Amino acid sequence: MLIKTRGIVLRSVKYSETSIICDIFTELKGLRTYIISGVRSKNAKVKAGLLQLMSIVDIVAYHRDDKEMTRLKEVKLAHVYQSIPFEIKKGAIGLFLVELAQKTIREREENERLFQFLMNSFLFLDQTTHSVGNIHLHFMLELASFLGFMPSGEASGDTPFFDLKEGVFSAKPSHIHFLNEESSILMSFLLLTSQKDSHIIKMSRQNRKQLLHDLLMYYKFHLENFREMNAHLILEEVLN
């Protein structure tokens, strides 16, 4: 059957001479893999540029629940980014967000709340005029709640450390996998702050880099087969 839905492109790879295979997180059917033929030919009706990473698209697709991959019939942009393609920092953060989503989201059923969160995150990144240096950290914490391991509690005099293994703020753990007090406080601030206000949290480049590495470790503890990230290396260079 044919379905019409919005989607966010999480992966796009060339296939054969003129085709593309892409993973799209859709509003109606969750994560789906599609092939679209002829998009890289000279006279293509649908251009390959529509299926770039993080593109928000309206699609018409052939759908079968028993198939790992089906075909896209139609694609058009649902939103044209105004700043992400032209601002290096925003572009680097966008690539990090999409890689993290691609390596963590696996569900093949409708999850409208998760779709809205992803779409709104990319729209906010594109539209904000404030500093974007904390957006990826805030995104990681919010995404963790959808994935089932939202950090619990907040930093305080009695709970000044964040335990990466247990996912809670606590007294100093007996193992070595915890955030220092400074990183724990910054993480607690992020948890208590909305995405649109994340720019008000001040942190040094070193603090930001350390917290990013700590949160990647947190994901490794709580997600089975979490694959190594690459985009954060580019992101760190850009933010520096």
C-alpha atoms as a PDB file:
ATOM      1  CA  MET A   1       0.000   0.000   0.000  1.00  0.00           C
ATOM      2  CA  LEU A   2       0.993   3.634  -0.392  1.00  0.00           C
ATOM      3  CA  ILE A   3       1.510   5.878   2.631  1.00  0.00           C
ATOM      4  CA  LYS A   4       2.034   9.632   2.878  1.00  0.00           C
ATOM      5  CA  THR A   5       4.104  10.865   5.806  1.00  0.00           C
ATOM      6  CA  ARG A   6       6.746  13.308   6.928  1.00  0.00           C
ATOM      7  CA  GLY A   7      10.212  12.029   7.622  1.00  0.00           C
ATOM      8  CA  ILE A   8      13.766  12.987   8.591  1.00  0.00           C
ATOM      9  CA  VAL A   9      16.664  11.586   6.577  1.00  0.00           C
ATOM     10  CA  LEU A  10      19.134   9.876   8.928  1.00  0.00           C
ATOM     11  CA  ARG A  11      21.282   8.049   6.360  1.00  0.00           C
ATOM     12  CA  SER A  12      21.712   8.291   2.605  1.00  0.00           C
ATOM     13  CA  VAL A  13      24.061   6.157   0.481  1.00  0.00           C
ATOM     14  CA  LYS A  14      24.570   5.692  -3.236  1.00  0.00           C
ATOM     15  CA  TYR A  15      23.324   2.437  -4.730  1.00  0.00           C
ATOM     16  CA  SER A  16      24.099   1.360  -8.283  1.00  0.00           C
ATOM     17  CA  GLU A  17      24.680   4.098 -10.854  1.00  0.00           C
ATOM     18  CA  THR A  18      21.541   6.144 -10.326  1.00  0.00           C
ATOM     19  CA  SER A  19      19.831   5.028  -7.115  1.00  0.00           C
ATOM     20  CA  ILE A  20      19.966   5.931  -3.422  1.00  0.00           C
ATOM     21  CA  ILE A  21      19.176   3.902  -0.318  1.00  0.00           C
ATOM     22  CA  CYS A  22      18.174   5.975   2.692  1.00  0.00           C
ATOM     23  CA  ASP A  23      17.045   5.497   6.280  1.00  0.00           C
ATOM     24  CA  ILE A  24      14.190   7.848   7.114  1.00  0.00           C
ATOM     25  CA  PHE A  25      12.599   8.230  10.526  1.00  0.00           C
ATOM     26  CA  THR A  26       8.951   8.693   9.575  1.00  0.00           C
ATOM     27  CA  GLU A  27       6.096  10.197  11.521  1.00  0.00           C
ATOM     28  CA  LEU A  28       3.738   7.278  10.806  1.00  0.00           C
ATOM     29  CA  LYS A  29       5.933   4.186  10.626  1.00  0.00           C
ATOM     30  CA  GLY A  30       9.081   4.898  12.634  1.00  0.00           C
ATOM     31  CA  LEU A  31      12.470   4.068  11.144  1.00  0.00           C
ATOM     32  CA  ARG A  32      12.233   2.776   7.577  1.00  0.00           C
ATOM     33  CA  THR A  33      14.703   1.995   4.799  1.00  0.00           C
ATOM     34  CA  TYR A  34      13.823   3.054   1.262  1.00  0.00           C
ATOM     35  CA  ILE A  35      15.352   2.797  -2.161  1.00  0.00           C
ATOM     36  CA  ILE A  36      14.611   5.383  -4.808  1.00  0.00           C
ATOM     37  CA  SER A  37      15.734   4.801  -8.357  1.00  0.00           C
ATOM     38  CA  GLY A  38      16.935   7.241 -10.978  1.00  0.00           C
ATOM     39  CA  VAL A  39      17.585  10.185  -8.646  1.00  0.00           C
ATOM     40  CA  ARG A  40      21.201  10.477  -9.750  1.00  0.00           C
ATOM     41  CA  SER A  41      20.456  10.457 -13.461  1.00  0.00           C
ATOM     42  CA  LYS A  42      20.572  13.570 -15.637  1.00  0.00           C
ATOM     43  CA  ASN A  43      16.820  13.729 -16.197  1.00  0.00           C
ATOM     44  CA  ALA A  44      15.694  12.679 -12.717  1.00  0.00           C
ATOM     45  CA  LYS A  45      12.294  14.016 -11.626  1.00  0.00           C
ATOM     46  CA  VAL A  46      13.372  13.710  -7.976  1.00  0.00           C
ATOM     47  CA  LYS A  47      16.822  15.138  -7.264  1.00  0.00           C
ATOM     48  CA  ALA A  48      19.283  13.392  -4.941  1.00  0.00           C
ATOM     49  CA  GLY A  49      19.760  16.651  -3.015  1.00  0.00           C
ATOM     50  CA  LEU A  50      16.328  16.193  -1.456  1.00  0.00           C
ATOM     51  CA  LEU A  51      17.655  13.183   0.449  1.00  0.00           C
ATOM     52  CA  GLN A  52      20.640  14.771   2.170  1.00  0.00           C
ATOM     53  CA  LEU A  53      21.251  14.073   5.846  1.00  0.00           C
ATOM     54  CA  MET A  54      18.811  15.808   8.240  1.00  0.00           C
ATOM     55  CA  SER A  55      16.454  16.839   5.420  1.00  0.00           C
ATOM     56  CA  ILE A  56      12.841  17.076   6.589  1.00  0.00           C
ATOM     57  CA  VAL A  57      10.742  15.653   3.773  1.00  0.00           C
ATOM     58  CA  ASP A  58       7.208  14.782   2.734  1.00  0.00           C
ATOM     59  CA  ILE A  59       7.219  11.344   1.141  1.00  0.00           C
ATOM     60  CA  VAL A  60       4.903   8.967  -0.621  1.00  0.00           C
ATOM     61  CA  ALA A  61       6.199   5.437  -0.120  1.00  0.00           C
ATOM     62  CA  TYR A  62       5.226   1.857  -0.848  1.00  0.00           C
ATOM     63  CA  HIS A  63       4.777   0.188   2.543  1.00  0.00           C
ATOM     64  CA  ARG A  64       4.857  -3.412   3.750  1.00  0.00           C
ATOM     65  CA  ASP A  65       5.506  -4.302   7.387  1.00  0.00           C
ATOM     66  CA  ASP A  66       7.155  -7.596   6.402  1.00  0.00           C
ATOM     67  CA  LYS A  67       9.781  -5.904   4.188  1.00  0.00           C
ATOM     68  CA  GLU A  68      13.065  -4.455   5.429  1.00  0.00           C
ATOM     69  CA  MET A  69      13.246  -2.100   2.438  1.00  0.00           C
ATOM     70  CA  THR A  70      10.603  -0.666   0.143  1.00  0.00           C
ATOM     71  CA  ARG A  71      10.507   2.004  -2.553  1.00  0.00           C
ATOM     72  CA  LEU A  72       9.941   5.722  -2.409  1.00  0.00           C
ATOM     73  CA  LYS A  73       7.481   6.990  -4.990  1.00  0.00           C
ATOM     74  CA  GLU A  74       7.616  10.748  -4.312  1.00  0.00           C
ATOM     75  CA  VAL A  75       9.772  13.096  -2.225  1.00  0.00           C
ATOM     76  CA  LYS A  76       9.609  16.834  -1.587  1.00  0.00           C
ATOM     77  CA  LEU A  77      11.123  19.089   1.049  1.00  0.00           C
ATOM     78  CA  ALA A  78       8.879  19.902   4.002  1.00  0.00           C
ATOM     79  CA  HIS A  79      11.315  22.545   5.235  1.00  0.00           C
ATOM     80  CA  VAL A  80      14.139  24.454   3.550  1.00  0.00           C
ATOM     81  CA  TYR A  81      16.949  25.139   6.009  1.00  0.00           C
ATOM     82  CA  GLN A  82      17.926  28.800   6.094  1.00  0.00           C
ATOM     83  CA  SER A  83      21.119  28.783   8.167  1.00  0.00           C
ATOM     84  CA  ILE A  84      22.363  25.211   8.778  1.00  0.00           C
ATOM     85  CA  PRO A  85      23.881  24.853   5.275  1.00  0.00           C
ATOM     86  CA  PHE A  86      25.730  28.166   5.594  1.00  0.00           C
ATOM     87  CA  GLU A  87      26.929  28.307   9.208  1.00  0.00           C
ATOM     88  CA  ILE A  88      29.798  25.953  10.023  1.00  0.00           C
ATOM     89  CA  LYS A  89      28.928  25.515  13.702  1.00  0.00           C
ATOM     90  CA  LYS A  90      25.278  24.774  13.011  1.00  0.00           C
ATOM     91  CA  GLY A  91      26.216  22.356  10.238  1.00  0.00           C
ATOM     92  CA  ALA A  92      28.631  20.458  12.491  1.00  0.00           C
ATOM     93  CA  ILE A  93      26.077  20.252  15.303  1.00  0.00           C
ATOM     94  CA  GLY A  94      23.404  19.073  12.855  1.00  0.00           C
ATOM     95  CA  LEU A  95      25.663  16.273  11.593  1.00  0.00           C
ATOM     96  CA  PHE A  96      26.308  15.183  15.177  1.00  0.00           C
ATOM     97  CA  LEU A  97      22.596  15.128  16.011  1.00  0.00           C
ATOM     98  CA  VAL A  98      21.745  13.095  12.929  1.00  0.00           C
ATOM     99  CA  GLU A  99      24.572  10.598  13.500  1.00  0.00           C
ATOM    100  CA  LEU A 100      23.513  10.107  17.111  1.00  0.00           C
ATOM    101  CA  ALA A 101      19.905   9.563  16.045  1.00  0.00           C
ATOM    102  CA  GLN A 102      20.981   7.151  13.309  1.00  0.00           C
ATOM    103  CA  LYS A 103      23.028   5.060  15.744  1.00  0.00           C
ATOM    104  CA  THR A 104      20.470   4.914  18.529  1.00  0.00           C
ATOM    105  CA  ILE A 105      16.940   4.884  17.078  1.00  0.00           C
ATOM    106  CA  ARG A 106      15.814   1.451  15.928  1.00  0.00           C
ATOM    107  CA  GLU A 107      12.056   1.278  16.400  1.00  0.00           C
ATOM    108  CA  ARG A 108       9.981   0.476  13.341  1.00  0.00           C
ATOM    109  CA  GLU A 109       6.655   1.710  14.641  1.00  0.00           C
ATOM    110  CA  GLU A 110       4.967   5.056  15.090  1.00  0.00           C
ATOM    111  CA  ASN A 111       6.406   7.321  17.780  1.00  0.00           C
ATOM    112  CA  GLU A 112       4.983  10.765  17.180  1.00  0.00           C
ATOM    113  CA  ARG A 113       6.604  12.295  20.289  1.00  0.00           C
ATOM    114  CA  LEU A 114      10.069  11.176  19.223  1.00  0.00           C
ATOM    115  CA  PHE A 115       9.465  12.385  15.664  1.00  0.00           C
ATOM    116  CA  GLN A 116       8.340  15.796  16.912  1.00  0.00           C
ATOM    117  CA  PHE A 117      11.365  16.029  19.209  1.00  0.00           C
ATOM    118  CA  LEU A 118      13.785  15.289  16.365  1.00  0.00           C
ATOM    119  CA  MET A 119      12.082  17.613  13.908  1.00  0.00           C
ATOM    120  CA  ASN A 120      11.794  20.456  16.418  1.00  0.00           C
ATOM    121  CA  SER A 121      15.472  20.054  17.350  1.00  0.00           C
ATOM    122  CA  PHE A 122      16.593  20.534  13.748  1.00  0.00           C
ATOM    123  CA  LEU A 123      14.158  23.421  13.232  1.00  0.00           C
ATOM    124  CA  PHE A 124      15.371  25.119  16.410  1.00  0.00           C
ATOM    125  CA  LEU A 125      19.012  24.688  15.374  1.00  0.00           C
ATOM    126  CA  ASP A 126      18.194  26.263  12.025  1.00  0.00           C
ATOM    127  CA  GLN A 127      16.201  29.173  13.424  1.00  0.00           C
ATOM    128  CA  THR A 128      17.944  30.206  16.650  1.00  0.00           C
ATOM    129  CA  THR A 129      20.048  33.354  16.720  1.00  0.00           C
ATOM    130  CA  HIS A 130      21.601  32.518  20.105  1.00  0.00           C
ATOM    131  CA  SER A 131      24.824  30.614  20.758  1.00  0.00           C
ATOM    132  CA  VAL A 132      24.501  26.982  19.662  1.00  0.00           C
ATOM    133  CA  GLY A 133      27.413  25.576  21.688  1.00  0.00           C
ATOM    134  CA  ASN A 134      25.229  23.629  24.152  1.00  0.00           C
ATOM    135  CA  ILE A 135      22.519  22.346  21.809  1.00  0.00           C
ATOM    136  CA  HIS A 136      24.129  18.957  21.170  1.00  0.00           C
ATOM    137  CA  LEU A 137      24.558  18.328  24.915  1.00  0.00           C
ATOM    138  CA  HIS A 138      20.938  19.216  25.648  1.00  0.00           C
ATOM    139  CA  PHE A 139      19.847  17.021  22.720  1.00  0.00           C
ATOM    140  CA  MET A 140      21.763  14.031  24.127  1.00  0.00           C
ATOM    141  CA  LEU A 141      20.028  14.333  27.488  1.00  0.00           C
ATOM    142  CA  GLU A 142      16.551  14.676  25.973  1.00  0.00           C
ATOM    143  CA  LEU A 143      17.100  11.822  23.524  1.00  0.00           C
ATOM    144  CA  ALA A 144      18.166   9.601  26.441  1.00  0.00           C
ATOM    145  CA  SER A 145      14.677  10.000  27.918  1.00  0.00           C
ATOM    146  CA  PHE A 146      13.124   8.606  24.721  1.00  0.00           C
ATOM    147  CA  LEU A 147      15.627   5.736  24.715  1.00  0.00           C
ATOM    148  CA  GLY A 148      14.789   4.730  28.281  1.00  0.00           C
ATOM    149  CA  PHE A 149      17.700   6.001  30.362  1.00  0.00           C
ATOM    150  CA  MET A 150      16.838   9.539  31.361  1.00  0.00           C
ATOM    151  CA  PRO A 151      19.236  10.777  34.100  1.00  0.00           C
ATOM    152  CA  SER A 152      17.581  10.843  37.510  1.00  0.00           C
ATOM    153  CA  GLY A 153      17.809  13.543  40.186  1.00  0.00           C
ATOM    154  CA  GLU A 154      19.941  16.678  40.246  1.00  0.00           C
ATOM    155  CA  ALA A 155      23.269  17.851  41.621  1.00  0.00           C
ATOM    156  CA  SER A 156      23.154  18.980  45.261  1.00  0.00           C
ATOM    157  CA  GLY A 157      25.292  19.051  48.386  1.00  0.00           C
ATOM    158  CA  ASP A 158      24.294  15.455  49.145  1.00  0.00           C
ATOM    159  CA  THR A 159      24.432  14.256  45.520  1.00  0.00           C
ATOM    160  CA  PRO A 160      27.316  16.147  43.854  1.00  0.00           C
ATOM    161  CA  PHE A 161      28.360  13.409  41.412  1.00  0.00           C
ATOM    162  CA  PHE A 162      26.587  11.846  38.438  1.00  0.00           C
ATOM    163  CA  ASP A 163      26.965   8.059  38.366  1.00  0.00           C
ATOM    164  CA  LEU A 164      27.284   7.042  34.696  1.00  0.00           C
ATOM    165  CA  LYS A 165      26.542   3.375  35.368  1.00  0.00           C
ATOM    166  CA  GLU A 166      23.452   3.907  37.536  1.00  0.00           C
ATOM    167  CA  GLY A 167      22.193   7.031  35.755  1.00  0.00           C
ATOM    168  CA  VAL A 168      21.616   9.007  38.963  1.00  0.00           C
ATOM    169  CA  PHE A 169      23.118  11.908  40.887  1.00  0.00           C
ATOM    170  CA  SER A 170      24.583  10.525  44.087  1.00  0.00           C
ATOM    171  CA  ALA A 171      27.320  10.674  46.722  1.00  0.00           C
ATOM    172  CA  LYS A 172      30.719   9.641  45.401  1.00  0.00           C
ATOM    173  CA  PRO A 173      30.354   6.150  43.846  1.00  0.00           C
ATOM    174  CA  SER A 174      32.672   3.274  44.736  1.00  0.00           C
ATOM    175  CA  HIS A 175      33.671   2.848  41.062  1.00  0.00           C
ATOM    176  CA  ILE A 176      35.443   5.251  38.679  1.00  0.00           C
ATOM    177  CA  HIS A 177      32.643   5.852  36.182  1.00  0.00           C
ATOM    178  CA  PHE A 178      31.176   9.127  37.364  1.00  0.00           C
ATOM    179  CA  LEU A 179      31.297  12.819  36.445  1.00  0.00           C
ATOM    180  CA  ASN A 180      33.361  15.202  38.534  1.00  0.00           C
ATOM    181  CA  GLU A 181      31.498  17.825  40.530  1.00  0.00           C
ATOM    182  CA  GLU A 182      31.882  20.585  37.938  1.00  0.00           C
ATOM    183  CA  SER A 183      30.583  18.439  35.067  1.00  0.00           C
ATOM    184  CA  SER A 184      27.781  17.100  37.261  1.00  0.00           C
ATOM    185  CA  ILE A 185      26.594  20.622  38.057  1.00  0.00           C
ATOM    186  CA  LEU A 186      26.650  21.632  34.379  1.00  0.00           C
ATOM    187  CA  MET A 187      24.726  18.503  33.433  1.00  0.00           C
ATOM    188  CA  SER A 188      22.179  19.208  36.166  1.00  0.00           C
ATOM    189  CA  PHE A 189      21.707  22.755  34.843  1.00  0.00           C
ATOM    190  CA  LEU A 190      21.106  21.380  31.331  1.00  0.00           C
ATOM    191  CA  LEU A 191      18.489  18.950  32.630  1.00  0.00           C
ATOM    192  CA  LEU A 192      16.627  21.787  34.325  1.00  0.00           C
ATOM    193  CA  THR A 193      16.816  24.112  31.308  1.00  0.00           C
ATOM    194  CA  SER A 194      14.713  24.089  28.152  1.00  0.00           C
ATOM    195  CA  GLN A 195      16.291  23.672  24.743  1.00  0.00           C
ATOM    196  CA  LYS A 196      15.563  27.265  23.768  1.00  0.00           C
ATOM    197  CA  ASP A 197      17.319  28.530  26.902  1.00  0.00           C
ATOM    198  CA  SER A 198      20.318  26.172  26.789  1.00  0.00           C
ATOM    199  CA  HIS A 199      22.531  29.029  25.565  1.00  0.00           C
ATOM    200  CA  ILE A 200      22.361  30.746  28.961  1.00  0.00           C
ATOM    201  CA  ILE A 201      24.470  28.001  30.587  1.00  0.00           C
ATOM    202  CA  LYS A 202      28.058  29.178  30.480  1.00  0.00           C
ATOM    203  CA  MET A 203      30.854  26.636  30.209  1.00  0.00           C
ATOM    204  CA  SER A 204      34.420  26.646  28.961  1.00  0.00           C
ATOM    205  CA  ARG A 205      35.496  24.802  25.824  1.00  0.00           C
ATOM    206  CA  GLN A 206      37.212  22.200  27.998  1.00  0.00           C
ATOM    207  CA  ASN A 207      34.094  21.726  30.150  1.00  0.00           C
ATOM    208  CA  ARG A 208      31.967  21.319  27.022  1.00  0.00           C
ATOM    209  CA  LYS A 209      34.393  18.813  25.495  1.00  0.00           C
ATOM    210  CA  GLN A 210      34.611  16.816  28.731  1.00  0.00           C
ATOM    211  CA  LEU A 211      30.834  16.688  29.152  1.00  0.00           C
ATOM    212  CA  LEU A 212      30.407  15.511  25.561  1.00  0.00           C
ATOM    213  CA  HIS A 213      32.819  12.622  26.151  1.00  0.00           C
ATOM    214  CA  ASP A 214      31.119  11.816  29.462  1.00  0.00           C
ATOM    215  CA  LEU A 215      27.688  11.657  27.816  1.00  0.00           C
ATOM    216  CA  LEU A 216      28.992   9.423  25.021  1.00  0.00           C
ATOM    217  CA  MET A 217      30.269   7.091  27.744  1.00  0.00           C
ATOM    218  CA  TYR A 218      26.837   7.256  29.375  1.00  0.00           C
ATOM    219  CA  TYR A 219      25.273   6.092  26.107  1.00  0.00           C
ATOM    220  CA  LYS A 220      27.765   3.205  25.899  1.00  0.00           C
ATOM    221  CA  PHE A 221      26.780   2.034  29.366  1.00  0.00           C
ATOM    222  CA  HIS A 222      23.065   2.074  28.637  1.00  0.00           C
ATOM    223  CA  LEU A 223      22.733   1.150  24.955  1.00  0.00           C
ATOM    224  CA  GLU A 224      23.705  -2.313  23.798  1.00  0.00           C
ATOM    225  CA  ASN A 225      25.916  -2.283  20.693  1.00  0.00           C
ATOM    226  CA  PHE A 226      26.223   1.506  20.657  1.00  0.00           C
ATOM    227  CA  ARG A 227      28.604   2.112  17.776  1.00  0.00           C
ATOM    228  CA  GLU A 228      31.519   4.526  17.858  1.00  0.00           C
ATOM    229  CA  MET A 229      30.631   8.090  16.917  1.00  0.00           C
ATOM    230  CA  ASN A 230      32.633  10.133  14.396  1.00  0.00           C
ATOM    231  CA  ALA A 231      30.874  13.485  14.041  1.00  0.00           C
ATOM    232  CA  HIS A 232      31.868  14.646  17.535  1.00  0.00           C
ATOM    233  CA  LEU A 233      35.509  14.857  16.411  1.00  0.00           C
ATOM    234  CA  ILE A 234      34.575  17.368  13.703  1.00  0.00           C
ATOM    235  CA  LEU A 235      32.253  19.131  16.129  1.00  0.00           C
ATOM    236  CA  GLU A 236      34.992  19.601  18.706  1.00  0.00           C
ATOM    237  CA  GLU A 237      37.308  21.139  16.105  1.00  0.00           C
ATOM    238  CA  VAL A 238      34.591  23.523  14.913  1.00  0.00           C
ATOM    239  CA  LEU A 239      33.550  24.593  18.421  1.00  0.00           C
ATOM    240  CA  ASN A 240      37.180  25.266  19.281  1.00  0.00           C
END
